[in-house]
Protein backbone atom coordinates (compact mmCIF):
# COMPACT_ATOMS: atom_id res chain seq x y z
CA VAL A 1 110.28 103.25 94.21
CA GLU A 2 110.52 105.52 97.23
CA PRO A 3 113.19 108.19 97.75
CA ASP A 4 115.16 105.84 100.05
CA GLY A 5 115.11 102.99 97.48
CA SER A 6 112.33 100.97 99.14
CA VAL A 7 109.79 99.47 96.76
CA LEU A 8 106.02 99.84 97.23
CA VAL A 9 103.77 97.12 95.81
CA LEU A 10 99.97 97.15 95.62
CA ASP A 11 98.30 93.83 96.32
CA ALA A 12 94.88 94.25 94.71
CA VAL A 13 93.70 90.80 95.80
CA GLY A 14 94.90 91.08 99.40
CA GLN A 15 93.83 94.75 99.52
CA HIS A 16 97.20 95.90 100.89
CA LEU A 17 100.11 98.18 100.14
CA GLN A 18 103.45 96.55 100.95
CA ARG A 19 106.92 98.06 101.39
CA PHE A 20 110.02 96.01 100.52
CA THR A 21 113.74 96.64 100.74
CA PRO A 22 115.53 96.86 97.37
CA ASP A 23 116.59 93.22 97.84
CA GLY A 24 113.01 92.02 98.43
CA GLN A 25 112.66 91.82 102.23
CA LEU A 26 109.17 92.78 103.46
CA LEU A 27 109.34 95.84 105.72
CA ALA A 28 105.69 96.78 106.25
CA THR A 29 102.12 96.15 105.13
CA PHE A 30 99.49 98.91 105.04
CA GLY A 31 95.79 98.76 104.35
CA ASP A 32 94.08 96.91 107.20
CA ASN A 33 92.94 100.14 108.82
CA LEU A 34 92.27 101.82 105.46
CA THR A 35 90.01 99.16 103.93
CA PHE A 36 91.34 99.26 100.39
CA TYR A 37 89.10 97.64 97.79
CA ARG A 38 90.89 96.72 94.54
CA PRO A 39 93.64 99.36 94.69
CA ARG A 40 95.21 99.67 91.22
CA GLY A 41 97.70 102.53 91.08
CA LEU A 42 100.02 104.53 93.28
CA GLY A 43 102.39 107.46 93.22
CA ILE A 44 105.10 108.79 95.52
CA ASP A 45 106.36 112.35 95.88
CA PRO A 46 109.99 113.29 96.68
CA GLY A 47 109.08 113.70 100.38
CA GLY A 48 107.73 110.15 100.56
CA GLN A 49 104.00 110.90 100.62
CA ILE A 50 102.02 108.17 98.87
CA VAL A 51 98.79 108.35 96.87
CA VAL A 52 96.76 105.24 96.09
CA ALA A 53 94.00 104.92 93.49
CA ASP A 54 91.57 102.72 95.40
CA THR A 55 89.47 101.81 92.37
CA GLY A 56 86.88 99.63 94.12
CA GLY A 57 86.65 102.14 96.97
CA LEU A 58 86.02 104.89 94.37
CA ARG A 59 88.59 107.18 95.98
CA ILE A 60 92.15 108.45 96.05
CA VAL A 61 93.93 108.27 99.42
CA ARG A 62 97.04 110.19 100.48
CA LEU A 63 99.31 108.58 103.08
CA ASP A 64 102.38 109.76 104.92
CA PRO A 65 105.57 107.66 104.56
CA ALA A 66 104.53 105.56 107.59
CA GLY A 67 101.22 104.65 105.91
CA THR A 68 99.00 106.91 108.03
CA LEU A 69 95.99 108.35 106.20
CA LEU A 70 96.41 112.09 105.57
CA SER A 71 93.41 112.70 103.31
CA GLN A 72 91.06 111.13 100.82
CA LEU A 73 89.25 112.34 97.76
CA GLY A 74 86.09 110.74 96.44
CA GLY A 75 83.96 107.95 97.84
CA PRO A 76 80.76 106.19 96.73
CA GLU A 77 78.63 109.36 96.61
CA SER A 78 81.21 111.59 94.89
CA ASP A 79 81.65 112.64 91.28
CA LEU A 80 84.93 110.71 91.33
CA ALA A 81 82.94 107.48 91.78
CA LYS A 82 81.48 107.81 88.29
CA GLY A 83 84.93 107.64 86.69
CA GLN A 84 86.55 104.98 88.90
CA PRO A 85 90.08 106.20 89.74
CA SER A 86 92.57 103.68 88.37
CA ASP A 87 95.98 105.31 88.75
CA ALA A 88 97.51 108.24 90.63
CA ALA A 89 100.69 110.28 90.67
CA LEU A 90 102.17 113.19 92.60
CA SER A 91 104.29 115.86 90.94
CA PRO A 92 107.53 117.01 92.60
CA GLY A 93 105.52 120.01 93.86
CA GLY A 94 102.84 117.78 95.40
CA ASP A 95 100.14 118.23 92.73
CA LEU A 96 97.86 115.21 92.41
CA TYR A 97 97.10 113.63 89.03
CA PHE A 98 94.84 110.62 88.52
CA VAL A 99 93.24 108.63 85.72
CA GLU A 100 89.59 107.63 85.62
CA ALA A 101 89.12 104.13 84.17
CA GLU A 102 85.57 104.70 82.94
CA THR A 103 86.07 108.08 81.29
CA GLY A 104 89.77 108.03 80.40
CA VAL A 105 90.11 111.51 81.90
CA VAL A 106 93.36 112.58 83.60
């Protein structure tokens, strides 16, 4: 749930991140320009920045509240690829935490 009460939902099959109003009305869909591949986890900081564990893409992406890519960590040739990121969270101070599915490391 975002700071304004909107709800973010990952669609692992459709490869999208969707934003809904608290009563379920679709507001936006993100992901077409980001090419998610089996995203599995997400986190939101108090300022509305979003992190997505793109498990199949072997990376963590950070988005602004509008869904624009700010940065990414990992990729097929990275050390992160070996552990397959499966969930992500941001602390109130903006620190990134993620879980690797293969290793169980946080």
